[in-house]
Amino acid sequence: MSHKGFHVHGPHDHELEHATASAHADPMTNQIALFTAVIATVGAVFGYMDGTTLSNAVIYKNNAAISKTEASNQWNFYQAKSNKQNLSELATELLPTAKNKDYNAETQRYKTEKQDIKAEAEKFEAESKNWDRQSDLQMHMHHRWAQGTTLLQVSIALAAISLLTRNQWLKKLMYLVGAAGVLVGILAAMHI
């Protein structure tokens, strides 16, 4: 405390000044603190991307299921038209020629309708396969983002241990694992 030119230190003031000065003088502490802050920020971005790609994968898989259901509905409709066509063909075989003219027209109508229904069913099946492919890609990316995030978390844990133990090889391992995590994240961003 200062009072009119006098300066008196409390018992802990000197220790605080010494601790503050040594923290600024220790490059290992500063390096690890900076590394941890950067890696934690990158890890937060990776975590966000991990969740986003997982959500997309689920949405795309749901879209695939909806398209597959629509395709199934169309194939059922196609089968119903085939049954009606078969009945019309049977009627033309069983009835005399004069009476089967209407059934011949129906048979032709069902054949034409079936072609349109088949095209629609095949379109929905192709959509379903496309959604499945997109979902699989998103799941792959999700796994990459999760792997990158995990490596970054391990790197942060190594940072804490190396700071507490002042172990240089743990510090090097921390950098290596952090770099591996960033690399895996880059692979995820590149869809690899």
N, C-alpha and C. Protein backbone atom coordinates (compact mmCIF):
# COMPACT_ATOMS: atom_id res chain seq x y z
N MET A 1 0.82 -1.18 0.00
CA MET A 1 0.00 0.00 0.00
C MET A 1 0.87 1.24 0.00
N SER A 2 0.44 2.27 -0.72
CA SER A 2 1.19 3.54 -0.74
C SER A 2 0.43 4.59 0.04
N HIS A 3 1.18 5.31 0.84
CA HIS A 3 0.58 6.43 1.53
C HIS A 3 1.66 7.47 1.76
N LYS A 4 1.60 8.57 1.05
CA LYS A 4 2.53 9.68 1.16
C LYS A 4 3.98 9.21 1.07
N GLY A 5 4.28 8.44 -0.01
CA GLY A 5 5.67 8.06 -0.24
C GLY A 5 6.07 6.74 0.38
N PHE A 6 5.25 6.19 1.24
CA PHE A 6 5.60 4.90 1.83
C PHE A 6 4.91 3.78 1.05
N HIS A 7 5.64 2.69 0.86
CA HIS A 7 5.08 1.54 0.13
C HIS A 7 5.28 0.30 1.00
N VAL A 8 4.17 -0.34 1.37
CA VAL A 8 4.25 -1.52 2.22
C VAL A 8 3.64 -2.70 1.46
N HIS A 9 4.38 -3.80 1.38
CA HIS A 9 3.89 -5.01 0.73
C HIS A 9 3.16 -5.88 1.73
N GLY A 10 2.05 -6.44 1.26
CA GLY A 10 1.38 -7.46 2.05
C GLY A 10 2.16 -8.77 1.90
N PRO A 11 1.88 -9.76 2.72
CA PRO A 11 2.65 -11.00 2.67
C PRO A 11 2.52 -11.74 1.34
N HIS A 12 1.41 -11.61 0.65
CA HIS A 12 1.22 -12.36 -0.59
C HIS A 12 1.51 -11.53 -1.84
N ASP A 13 1.70 -10.22 -1.71
CA ASP A 13 1.92 -9.36 -2.87
C ASP A 13 3.16 -9.76 -3.65
N HIS A 14 4.24 -10.05 -2.91
CA HIS A 14 5.48 -10.42 -3.57
C HIS A 14 5.31 -11.73 -4.35
N GLU A 15 4.61 -12.69 -3.80
CA GLU A 15 4.38 -13.97 -4.48
C GLU A 15 3.53 -13.79 -5.73
N LEU A 16 2.52 -12.95 -5.67
CA LEU A 16 1.69 -12.69 -6.85
C LEU A 16 2.49 -12.03 -7.96
N GLU A 17 3.33 -11.05 -7.59
CA GLU A 17 4.16 -10.40 -8.59
C GLU A 17 5.13 -11.39 -9.22
N HIS A 18 5.69 -12.27 -8.39
CA HIS A 18 6.63 -13.27 -8.89
C HIS A 18 5.93 -14.27 -9.81
N ALA A 19 4.74 -14.71 -9.43
CA ALA A 19 3.99 -15.67 -10.25
C ALA A 19 3.59 -15.05 -11.58
N THR A 20 3.18 -13.79 -11.56
CA THR A 20 2.79 -13.11 -12.79
C THR A 20 4.00 -12.94 -13.70
N ALA A 21 5.11 -12.57 -13.15
CA ALA A 21 6.32 -12.38 -13.94
C ALA A 21 6.81 -13.70 -14.53
N SER A 22 6.75 -14.77 -13.77
CA SER A 22 7.22 -16.05 -14.28
C SER A 22 6.27 -16.62 -15.33
N ALA A 23 4.99 -16.32 -15.24
CA ALA A 23 4.05 -16.80 -16.26
C ALA A 23 4.33 -16.12 -17.59
N HIS A 24 4.69 -14.84 -17.54
CA HIS A 24 5.01 -14.13 -18.78
C HIS A 24 6.37 -14.57 -19.33
N ALA A 25 7.22 -15.03 -18.46
CA ALA A 25 8.55 -15.43 -18.90
C ALA A 25 8.59 -16.86 -19.41
N ASP A 26 7.61 -17.70 -19.09
CA ASP A 26 7.62 -19.11 -19.48
C ASP A 26 6.97 -19.28 -20.86
N PRO A 27 7.78 -19.52 -21.88
CA PRO A 27 7.22 -19.65 -23.23
C PRO A 27 6.35 -20.90 -23.39
N MET A 28 6.65 -21.95 -22.65
CA MET A 28 5.87 -23.18 -22.78
C MET A 28 4.41 -22.94 -22.38
N THR A 29 4.21 -22.21 -21.30
CA THR A 29 2.85 -21.91 -20.84
C THR A 29 2.10 -21.10 -21.89
N ASN A 30 2.74 -20.11 -22.44
CA ASN A 30 2.09 -19.26 -23.44
C ASN A 30 1.79 -20.04 -24.72
N GLN A 31 2.74 -20.86 -25.15
CA GLN A 31 2.53 -21.66 -26.36
C GLN A 31 1.36 -22.62 -26.20
N ILE A 32 1.34 -23.29 -25.08
CA ILE A 32 0.27 -24.27 -24.84
C ILE A 32 -1.08 -23.57 -24.69
N ALA A 33 -1.10 -22.44 -24.04
CA ALA A 33 -2.35 -21.69 -23.88
C ALA A 33 -2.89 -21.24 -25.24
N LEU A 34 -2.00 -20.71 -26.07
CA LEU A 34 -2.41 -20.27 -27.41
C LEU A 34 -2.87 -21.46 -28.25
N PHE A 35 -2.10 -22.55 -28.21
CA PHE A 35 -2.46 -23.75 -28.97
C PHE A 35 -3.83 -24.27 -28.53
N THR A 36 -4.05 -24.32 -27.22
CA THR A 36 -5.33 -24.82 -26.70
C THR A 36 -6.49 -23.95 -27.15
N ALA A 37 -6.30 -22.64 -27.13
CA ALA A 37 -7.38 -21.74 -27.56
C ALA A 37 -7.70 -21.94 -29.04
N VAL A 38 -6.67 -22.05 -29.87
CA VAL A 38 -6.89 -22.24 -31.31
C VAL A 38 -7.55 -23.59 -31.58
N ILE A 39 -7.03 -24.64 -30.97
CA ILE A 39 -7.57 -25.99 -31.20
C ILE A 39 -9.00 -26.09 -30.67
N ALA A 40 -9.29 -25.45 -29.55
CA ALA A 40 -10.66 -25.48 -29.02
C ALA A 40 -11.63 -24.79 -29.98
N THR A 41 -11.18 -23.69 -30.60
CA THR A 41 -12.02 -22.99 -31.58
C THR A 41 -12.26 -23.85 -32.81
N VAL A 42 -11.19 -24.44 -33.32
CA VAL A 42 -11.32 -25.33 -34.48
C VAL A 42 -12.21 -26.52 -34.12
N GLY A 43 -12.04 -27.04 -32.91
CA GLY A 43 -12.86 -28.16 -32.45
C GLY A 43 -14.34 -27.80 -32.38
N ALA A 44 -14.64 -26.57 -32.00
CA ALA A 44 -16.03 -26.13 -31.96
C ALA A 44 -16.65 -26.12 -33.36
N VAL A 45 -15.87 -25.66 -34.34
CA VAL A 45 -16.35 -25.67 -35.73
C VAL A 45 -16.55 -27.11 -36.20
N PHE A 46 -15.58 -27.98 -35.89
CA PHE A 46 -15.69 -29.38 -36.28
C PHE A 46 -16.93 -30.02 -35.64
N GLY A 47 -17.16 -29.70 -34.38
CA GLY A 47 -18.34 -30.24 -33.68
C GLY A 47 -19.64 -29.79 -34.34
N TYR A 48 -19.67 -28.54 -34.76
CA TYR A 48 -20.86 -28.04 -35.46
C TYR A 48 -21.06 -28.79 -36.77
N MET A 49 -20.00 -28.96 -37.53
CA MET A 49 -20.09 -29.67 -38.81
C MET A 49 -20.47 -31.13 -38.60
N ASP A 50 -19.97 -31.71 -37.53
CA ASP A 50 -20.32 -33.10 -37.18
C ASP A 50 -21.83 -33.22 -36.99
N GLY A 51 -22.40 -32.33 -36.22
CA GLY A 51 -23.85 -32.36 -35.98
C GLY A 51 -24.66 -32.07 -37.23
N THR A 52 -24.18 -31.13 -38.02
CA THR A 52 -24.89 -30.77 -39.26
C THR A 52 -24.93 -31.93 -40.23
N THR A 53 -23.78 -32.58 -40.42
CA THR A 53 -23.76 -33.70 -41.38
C THR A 53 -24.59 -34.87 -40.89
N LEU A 54 -24.62 -35.08 -39.58
CA LEU A 54 -25.47 -36.16 -39.05
C LEU A 54 -26.94 -35.84 -39.29
N SER A 55 -27.33 -34.60 -39.05
CA SER A 55 -28.73 -34.20 -39.30
C SER A 55 -29.08 -34.36 -40.77
N ASN A 56 -28.17 -33.93 -41.65
CA ASN A 56 -28.41 -34.09 -43.08
C ASN A 56 -28.56 -35.55 -43.47
N ALA A 57 -27.72 -36.40 -42.91
CA ALA A 57 -27.79 -37.83 -43.23
C ALA A 57 -29.14 -38.41 -42.85
N VAL A 58 -29.65 -38.01 -41.70
CA VAL A 58 -30.96 -38.50 -41.25
C VAL A 58 -32.07 -37.97 -42.15
N ILE A 59 -32.01 -36.70 -42.49
CA ILE A 59 -33.02 -36.11 -43.37
C ILE A 59 -33.01 -36.79 -44.74
N TYR A 60 -31.82 -37.00 -45.29
CA TYR A 60 -31.71 -37.64 -46.61
C TYR A 60 -32.19 -39.08 -46.56
N LYS A 61 -31.90 -39.78 -45.48
CA LYS A 61 -32.38 -41.16 -45.35
C LYS A 61 -33.91 -41.18 -45.25
N ASN A 62 -34.47 -40.20 -44.57
CA ASN A 62 -35.92 -40.08 -44.49
C ASN A 62 -36.52 -39.82 -45.87
N ASN A 63 -35.88 -38.92 -46.63
CA ASN A 63 -36.35 -38.65 -47.99
C ASN A 63 -36.28 -39.89 -48.86
N ALA A 64 -35.22 -40.70 -48.66
CA ALA A 64 -35.09 -41.96 -49.41
C ALA A 64 -36.25 -42.89 -49.07
N ALA A 65 -36.61 -42.96 -47.80
CA ALA A 65 -37.72 -43.83 -47.39
C ALA A 65 -39.05 -43.33 -47.97
N ILE A 66 -39.24 -42.03 -48.00
CA ILE A 66 -40.47 -41.48 -48.57
C ILE A 66 -40.55 -41.80 -50.06
N SER A 67 -39.44 -41.61 -50.78
CA SER A 67 -39.42 -41.91 -52.21
C SER A 67 -39.64 -43.40 -52.45
N LYS A 68 -39.06 -44.24 -51.60
CA LYS A 68 -39.23 -45.69 -51.74
C LYS A 68 -40.70 -46.06 -51.52
N THR A 69 -41.34 -45.42 -50.57
CA THR A 69 -42.76 -45.67 -50.31
C THR A 69 -43.60 -45.24 -51.51
N GLU A 70 -43.27 -44.08 -52.08
CA GLU A 70 -43.99 -43.63 -53.27
C GLU A 70 -43.79 -44.60 -54.44
N ALA A 71 -42.57 -45.11 -54.59
CA ALA A 71 -42.30 -46.10 -55.64
C ALA A 71 -43.14 -47.36 -55.39
N SER A 72 -43.19 -47.79 -54.15
CA SER A 72 -43.99 -48.98 -53.80
C SER A 72 -45.47 -48.76 -54.11
N ASN A 73 -45.95 -47.57 -53.79
CA ASN A 73 -47.35 -47.24 -54.10
C ASN A 73 -47.60 -47.32 -55.60
N GLN A 74 -46.66 -46.77 -56.37
CA GLN A 74 -46.82 -46.81 -57.83
C GLN A 74 -46.77 -48.25 -58.35
N TRP A 75 -45.87 -49.07 -57.79
CA TRP A 75 -45.81 -50.47 -58.24
C TRP A 75 -47.09 -51.22 -57.87
N ASN A 76 -47.68 -50.89 -56.73
CA ASN A 76 -48.97 -51.50 -56.37
C ASN A 76 -50.06 -51.08 -57.35
N PHE A 77 -50.05 -49.81 -57.72
CA PHE A 77 -51.01 -49.29 -58.69
C PHE A 77 -50.79 -49.98 -60.04
N TYR A 78 -49.54 -50.16 -60.41
CA TYR A 78 -49.18 -50.86 -61.65
C TYR A 78 -49.73 -52.29 -61.61
N GLN A 79 -49.57 -52.95 -60.47
CA GLN A 79 -50.07 -54.33 -60.34
C GLN A 79 -51.60 -54.38 -60.45
N ALA A 80 -52.26 -53.40 -59.88
CA ALA A 80 -53.73 -53.35 -59.98
C ALA A 80 -54.16 -53.17 -61.44
N LYS A 81 -53.46 -52.30 -62.15
CA LYS A 81 -53.77 -52.12 -63.57
C LYS A 81 -53.48 -53.40 -64.37
N SER A 82 -52.41 -54.10 -64.00
CA SER A 82 -52.10 -55.38 -64.67
C SER A 82 -53.21 -56.40 -64.43
N ASN A 83 -53.72 -56.44 -63.22
CA ASN A 83 -54.83 -57.37 -62.92
C ASN A 83 -56.07 -57.02 -63.76
N LYS A 84 -56.36 -55.74 -63.85
CA LYS A 84 -57.51 -55.33 -64.66
C LYS A 84 -57.27 -55.63 -66.13
N GLN A 85 -56.05 -55.43 -66.59
CA GLN A 85 -55.71 -55.75 -67.98
C GLN A 85 -55.89 -57.25 -68.22
N ASN A 86 -55.42 -58.04 -67.27
CA ASN A 86 -55.55 -59.51 -67.42
C ASN A 86 -57.02 -59.94 -67.47
N LEU A 87 -57.84 -59.30 -66.64
CA LEU A 87 -59.28 -59.62 -66.66
C LEU A 87 -59.91 -59.22 -68.00
N SER A 88 -59.51 -58.07 -68.52
CA SER A 88 -60.03 -57.63 -69.82
C SER A 88 -59.59 -58.58 -70.92
N GLU A 89 -58.35 -59.03 -70.88
CA GLU A 89 -57.86 -59.98 -71.88
C GLU A 89 -58.60 -61.32 -71.77
N LEU A 90 -58.86 -61.72 -70.54
CA LEU A 90 -59.61 -62.96 -70.34
C LEU A 90 -61.03 -62.83 -70.89
N ALA A 91 -61.63 -61.67 -70.67
CA ALA A 91 -62.99 -61.43 -71.17
C ALA A 91 -63.01 -61.47 -72.70
N THR A 92 -61.97 -60.93 -73.35
CA THR A 92 -61.94 -60.96 -74.82
C THR A 92 -61.80 -62.39 -75.33
N GLU A 93 -61.15 -63.23 -74.56
CA GLU A 93 -60.99 -64.64 -74.97
C GLU A 93 -62.28 -65.44 -74.75
N LEU A 94 -63.00 -65.10 -73.70
CA LEU A 94 -64.17 -65.89 -73.36
C LEU A 94 -65.45 -65.43 -74.06
N LEU A 95 -65.52 -64.16 -74.36
CA LEU A 95 -66.74 -63.63 -74.98
C LEU A 95 -66.66 -63.73 -76.50
N PRO A 96 -67.81 -63.76 -77.12
CA PRO A 96 -67.81 -63.76 -78.59
C PRO A 96 -67.21 -62.46 -79.12
N THR A 97 -66.75 -62.48 -80.33
CA THR A 97 -66.05 -61.36 -80.95
C THR A 97 -66.87 -60.07 -80.93
N ALA A 98 -68.13 -60.16 -81.12
CA ALA A 98 -68.98 -58.96 -81.16
C ALA A 98 -69.00 -58.25 -79.81
N LYS A 99 -68.91 -58.98 -78.73
CA LYS A 99 -68.99 -58.37 -77.40
C LYS A 99 -67.63 -57.97 -76.82
N ASN A 100 -66.55 -58.46 -77.40
CA ASN A 100 -65.26 -58.20 -76.75
C ASN A 100 -64.56 -56.92 -77.24
N LYS A 101 -65.23 -56.15 -78.13
CA LYS A 101 -64.65 -54.90 -78.63
C LYS A 101 -64.37 -53.93 -77.48
N ASP A 102 -65.27 -53.80 -76.53
CA ASP A 102 -65.07 -52.90 -75.38
C ASP A 102 -63.90 -53.37 -74.51
N TYR A 103 -63.79 -54.67 -74.37
CA TYR A 103 -62.71 -55.20 -73.54
C TYR A 103 -61.34 -55.03 -74.21
N ASN A 104 -61.31 -55.08 -75.52
CA ASN A 104 -60.05 -54.81 -76.23
C ASN A 104 -59.60 -53.37 -76.00
N ALA A 105 -60.55 -52.45 -76.01
CA ALA A 105 -60.22 -51.03 -75.76
C ALA A 105 -59.70 -50.86 -74.33
N GLU A 106 -60.34 -51.55 -73.40
CA GLU A 106 -59.88 -51.47 -72.00
C GLU A 106 -58.48 -52.05 -71.85
N THR A 107 -58.22 -53.15 -72.52
CA THR A 107 -56.90 -53.77 -72.46
C THR A 107 -55.85 -52.78 -72.94
N GLN A 108 -56.11 -52.11 -74.03
CA GLN A 108 -55.16 -51.12 -74.56
C GLN A 108 -54.99 -49.94 -73.60
N ARG A 109 -56.11 -49.49 -73.02
CA ARG A 109 -56.05 -48.38 -72.06
C ARG A 109 -55.18 -48.77 -70.86
N TYR A 110 -55.35 -49.98 -70.33
CA TYR A 110 -54.56 -50.42 -69.18
C TYR A 110 -53.08 -50.52 -69.54
N LYS A 111 -52.78 -50.98 -70.76
CA LYS A 111 -51.38 -51.06 -71.19
C LYS A 111 -50.75 -49.67 -71.21
N THR A 112 -51.46 -48.71 -71.74
CA THR A 112 -50.95 -47.34 -71.80
C THR A 112 -50.78 -46.75 -70.40
N GLU A 113 -51.79 -46.94 -69.54
CA GLU A 113 -51.72 -46.42 -68.18
C GLU A 113 -50.57 -47.05 -67.41
N LYS A 114 -50.34 -48.33 -67.63
CA LYS A 114 -49.26 -49.04 -66.94
C LYS A 114 -47.89 -48.45 -67.30
N GLN A 115 -47.72 -48.04 -68.55
CA GLN A 115 -46.44 -47.47 -68.96
C GLN A 115 -46.14 -46.19 -68.18
N ASP A 116 -47.16 -45.34 -68.04
CA ASP A 116 -46.98 -44.10 -67.27
C ASP A 116 -46.71 -44.39 -65.80
N ILE A 117 -47.44 -45.35 -65.26
CA ILE A 117 -47.27 -45.71 -63.84
C ILE A 117 -45.87 -46.30 -63.62
N LYS A 118 -45.43 -47.15 -64.54
CA LYS A 118 -44.10 -47.75 -64.44
C LYS A 118 -43.02 -46.67 -64.47
N ALA A 119 -43.16 -45.71 -65.37
CA ALA A 119 -42.19 -44.62 -65.46
C ALA A 119 -42.14 -43.83 -64.15
N GLU A 120 -43.30 -43.59 -63.57
CA GLU A 120 -43.37 -42.86 -62.29
C GLU A 120 -42.72 -43.67 -61.17
N ALA A 121 -42.99 -44.96 -61.11
CA ALA A 121 -42.39 -45.82 -60.09
C ALA A 121 -40.87 -45.85 -60.22
N GLU A 122 -40.39 -45.96 -61.45
CA GLU A 122 -38.94 -45.98 -61.67
C GLU A 122 -38.30 -44.65 -61.30
N LYS A 123 -39.02 -43.56 -61.53
CA LYS A 123 -38.53 -42.23 -61.15
C LYS A 123 -38.37 -42.15 -59.62
N PHE A 124 -39.39 -42.63 -58.89
CA PHE A 124 -39.30 -42.61 -57.43
C PHE A 124 -38.19 -43.53 -56.92
N GLU A 125 -37.99 -44.67 -57.56
CA GLU A 125 -36.90 -45.56 -57.16
C GLU A 125 -35.54 -44.90 -57.37
N ALA A 126 -35.38 -44.19 -58.48
CA ALA A 126 -34.12 -43.49 -58.74
C ALA A 126 -33.91 -42.38 -57.70
N GLU A 127 -34.98 -41.66 -57.36
CA GLU A 127 -34.88 -40.62 -56.32
C GLU A 127 -34.44 -41.24 -55.00
N SER A 128 -35.04 -42.38 -54.67
CA SER A 128 -34.70 -43.05 -53.42
C SER A 128 -33.23 -43.43 -53.38
N LYS A 129 -32.72 -43.98 -54.48
CA LYS A 129 -31.31 -44.35 -54.54
C LYS A 129 -30.41 -43.12 -54.42
N ASN A 130 -30.82 -42.03 -55.04
CA ASN A 130 -30.05 -40.79 -54.96
C ASN A 130 -30.01 -40.26 -53.52
N TRP A 131 -31.16 -40.27 -52.85
CA TRP A 131 -31.19 -39.83 -51.44
C TRP A 131 -30.33 -40.75 -50.57
N ASP A 132 -30.36 -42.05 -50.84
CA ASP A 132 -29.52 -42.99 -50.08
C ASP A 132 -28.04 -42.68 -50.28
N ARG A 133 -27.63 -42.40 -51.51
CA ARG A 133 -26.23 -42.06 -51.78
C ARG A 133 -25.83 -40.78 -51.03
N GLN A 134 -26.71 -39.80 -51.07
CA GLN A 134 -26.41 -38.54 -50.37
C GLN A 134 -26.32 -38.76 -48.86
N SER A 135 -27.21 -39.59 -48.34
CA SER A 135 -27.19 -39.90 -46.91
C SER A 135 -25.89 -40.61 -46.53
N ASP A 136 -25.47 -41.57 -47.36
CA ASP A 136 -24.22 -42.28 -47.09
C ASP A 136 -23.02 -41.33 -47.10
N LEU A 137 -23.01 -40.40 -48.03
CA LEU A 137 -21.93 -39.41 -48.10
C LEU A 137 -21.92 -38.54 -46.84
N GLN A 138 -23.10 -38.10 -46.41
CA GLN A 138 -23.18 -37.29 -45.20
C GLN A 138 -22.73 -38.07 -43.96
N MET A 139 -23.07 -39.36 -43.90
CA MET A 139 -22.63 -40.18 -42.77
C MET A 139 -21.11 -40.33 -42.78
N HIS A 140 -20.54 -40.49 -43.96
CA HIS A 140 -19.08 -40.59 -44.05
C HIS A 140 -18.44 -39.29 -43.55
N MET A 141 -18.98 -38.18 -44.00
CA MET A 141 -18.44 -36.89 -43.55
C MET A 141 -18.65 -36.71 -42.05
N HIS A 142 -19.80 -37.15 -41.54
CA HIS A 142 -20.07 -37.08 -40.10
C HIS A 142 -18.99 -37.82 -39.33
N HIS A 143 -18.64 -39.02 -39.81
CA HIS A 143 -17.60 -39.79 -39.12
C HIS A 143 -16.26 -39.07 -39.17
N ARG A 144 -15.94 -38.48 -40.30
CA ARG A 144 -14.68 -37.73 -40.42
C ARG A 144 -14.66 -36.54 -39.44
N TRP A 145 -15.76 -35.77 -39.41
CA TRP A 145 -15.81 -34.63 -38.48
C TRP A 145 -15.69 -35.11 -37.04
N ALA A 146 -16.36 -36.22 -36.71
CA ALA A 146 -16.30 -36.75 -35.34
C ALA A 146 -14.88 -37.21 -35.01
N GLN A 147 -14.20 -37.85 -35.97
CA GLN A 147 -12.82 -38.28 -35.74
C GLN A 147 -11.92 -37.06 -35.52
N GLY A 148 -12.10 -36.04 -36.34
CA GLY A 148 -11.30 -34.82 -36.18
C GLY A 148 -11.54 -34.17 -34.83
N THR A 149 -12.80 -34.09 -34.43
CA THR A 149 -13.15 -33.49 -33.15
C THR A 149 -12.53 -34.28 -32.00
N THR A 150 -12.59 -35.59 -32.08
CA THR A 150 -12.03 -36.44 -31.04
C THR A 150 -10.52 -36.24 -30.92
N LEU A 151 -9.84 -36.20 -32.06
CA LEU A 151 -8.39 -35.96 -32.02
C LEU A 151 -8.06 -34.61 -31.41
N LEU A 152 -8.86 -33.58 -31.72
CA LEU A 152 -8.61 -32.27 -31.14
C LEU A 152 -8.84 -32.28 -29.63
N GLN A 153 -9.85 -33.03 -29.19
CA GLN A 153 -10.10 -33.12 -27.74
C GLN A 153 -8.95 -33.85 -27.04
N VAL A 154 -8.43 -34.89 -27.67
CA VAL A 154 -7.28 -35.60 -27.10
C VAL A 154 -6.08 -34.66 -27.04
N SER A 155 -5.91 -33.85 -28.08
CA SER A 155 -4.81 -32.90 -28.11
C SER A 155 -4.92 -31.88 -26.98
N ILE A 156 -6.12 -31.44 -26.71
CA ILE A 156 -6.33 -30.48 -25.60
C ILE A 156 -6.01 -31.15 -24.26
N ALA A 157 -6.40 -32.40 -24.11
CA ALA A 157 -6.07 -33.13 -22.87
C ALA A 157 -4.56 -33.29 -22.74
N LEU A 158 -3.89 -33.59 -23.84
CA LEU A 158 -2.42 -33.69 -23.81
C LEU A 158 -1.79 -32.35 -23.47
N ALA A 159 -2.40 -31.27 -23.92
CA ALA A 159 -1.89 -29.93 -23.59
C ALA A 159 -1.92 -29.71 -22.09
N ALA A 160 -3.02 -30.08 -21.46
CA ALA A 160 -3.13 -29.90 -20.01
C ALA A 160 -2.10 -30.76 -19.28
N ILE A 161 -1.95 -32.00 -19.72
CA ILE A 161 -0.99 -32.89 -19.05
C ILE A 161 0.44 -32.39 -19.26
N SER A 162 0.76 -31.96 -20.48
CA SER A 162 2.13 -31.48 -20.73
C SER A 162 2.41 -30.20 -19.96
N LEU A 163 1.40 -29.37 -19.76
CA LEU A 163 1.58 -28.15 -18.99
C LEU A 163 1.82 -28.48 -17.52
N LEU A 164 1.07 -29.44 -17.00
CA LEU A 164 1.23 -29.81 -15.59
C LEU A 164 2.55 -30.54 -15.33
N THR A 165 2.95 -31.38 -16.27
CA THR A 165 4.16 -32.18 -16.07
C THR A 165 5.41 -31.51 -16.62
N ARG A 166 5.23 -30.47 -17.45
CA ARG A 166 6.35 -29.79 -18.12
C ARG A 166 7.15 -30.77 -18.97
N ASN A 167 6.44 -31.75 -19.53
CA ASN A 167 7.08 -32.78 -20.32
C ASN A 167 7.10 -32.35 -21.78
N GLN A 168 8.30 -32.26 -22.36
CA GLN A 168 8.46 -31.77 -23.73
C GLN A 168 7.93 -32.77 -24.77
N TRP A 169 8.11 -34.07 -24.54
CA TRP A 169 7.64 -35.02 -25.55
C TRP A 169 6.12 -35.07 -25.57
N LEU A 170 5.45 -34.82 -24.42
CA LEU A 170 3.99 -34.71 -24.42
C LEU A 170 3.55 -33.46 -25.19
N LYS A 171 4.33 -32.42 -25.07
CA LYS A 171 4.03 -31.19 -25.82
C LYS A 171 4.12 -31.45 -27.33
N LYS A 172 5.16 -32.19 -27.74
CA LYS A 172 5.29 -32.53 -29.16
C LYS A 172 4.15 -33.44 -29.61
N LEU A 173 3.79 -34.40 -28.75
CA LEU A 173 2.67 -35.29 -29.07
C LEU A 173 1.36 -34.50 -29.18
N MET A 174 1.20 -33.49 -28.31
CA MET A 174 0.02 -32.63 -28.35
C MET A 174 -0.07 -31.95 -29.72
N TYR A 175 1.04 -31.41 -30.21
CA TYR A 175 1.05 -30.76 -31.52
C TYR A 175 0.75 -31.76 -32.63
N LEU A 176 1.32 -32.94 -32.53
CA LEU A 176 1.12 -33.97 -33.55
C LEU A 176 -0.35 -34.42 -33.63
N VAL A 177 -0.93 -34.67 -32.46
CA VAL A 177 -2.33 -35.11 -32.43
C VAL A 177 -3.25 -33.98 -32.89
N GLY A 178 -2.94 -32.76 -32.51
CA GLY A 178 -3.73 -31.60 -32.97
C GLY A 178 -3.66 -31.44 -34.48
N ALA A 179 -2.47 -31.60 -35.04
CA ALA A 179 -2.30 -31.50 -36.49
C ALA A 179 -3.06 -32.62 -37.19
N ALA A 180 -3.03 -33.83 -36.61
CA ALA A 180 -3.78 -34.95 -37.19
C ALA A 180 -5.28 -34.65 -37.18
N GLY A 181 -5.77 -34.06 -36.09
CA GLY A 181 -7.19 -33.70 -36.02
C GLY A 181 -7.58 -32.68 -37.06
N VAL A 182 -6.73 -31.68 -37.26
CA VAL A 182 -7.00 -30.66 -38.29
C VAL A 182 -6.98 -31.31 -39.67
N LEU A 183 -6.03 -32.20 -39.91
CA LEU A 183 -5.93 -32.89 -41.19
C LEU A 183 -7.19 -33.71 -41.47
N VAL A 184 -7.68 -34.42 -40.47
CA VAL A 184 -8.91 -35.21 -40.66
C VAL A 184 -10.08 -34.28 -40.95
N GLY A 185 -10.13 -33.12 -40.30
CA GLY A 185 -11.18 -32.15 -40.58
C GLY A 185 -11.10 -31.61 -42.01
N ILE A 186 -9.87 -31.39 -42.48
CA ILE A 186 -9.69 -30.95 -43.87
C ILE A 186 -10.19 -32.03 -44.84
N LEU A 187 -9.89 -33.30 -44.52
CA LEU A 187 -10.39 -34.40 -45.35
C LEU A 187 -11.92 -34.43 -45.37
N ALA A 188 -12.52 -34.15 -44.23
CA ALA A 188 -13.99 -34.10 -44.17
C ALA A 188 -14.52 -32.96 -45.03
N ALA A 189 -13.87 -31.81 -44.95
CA ALA A 189 -14.33 -30.67 -45.76
C ALA A 189 -14.18 -30.93 -47.25
N MET A 190 -13.19 -31.76 -47.61
CA MET A 190 -12.97 -32.10 -49.01
C MET A 190 -13.79 -33.32 -49.45
N HIS A 191 -14.63 -33.83 -48.55
CA HIS A 191 -15.48 -34.99 -48.83
C HIS A 191 -14.66 -36.24 -49.13
N ILE A 192 -13.55 -36.39 -48.47
CA ILE A 192 -12.68 -37.56 -48.66
C ILE A 192 -12.84 -38.49 -47.47
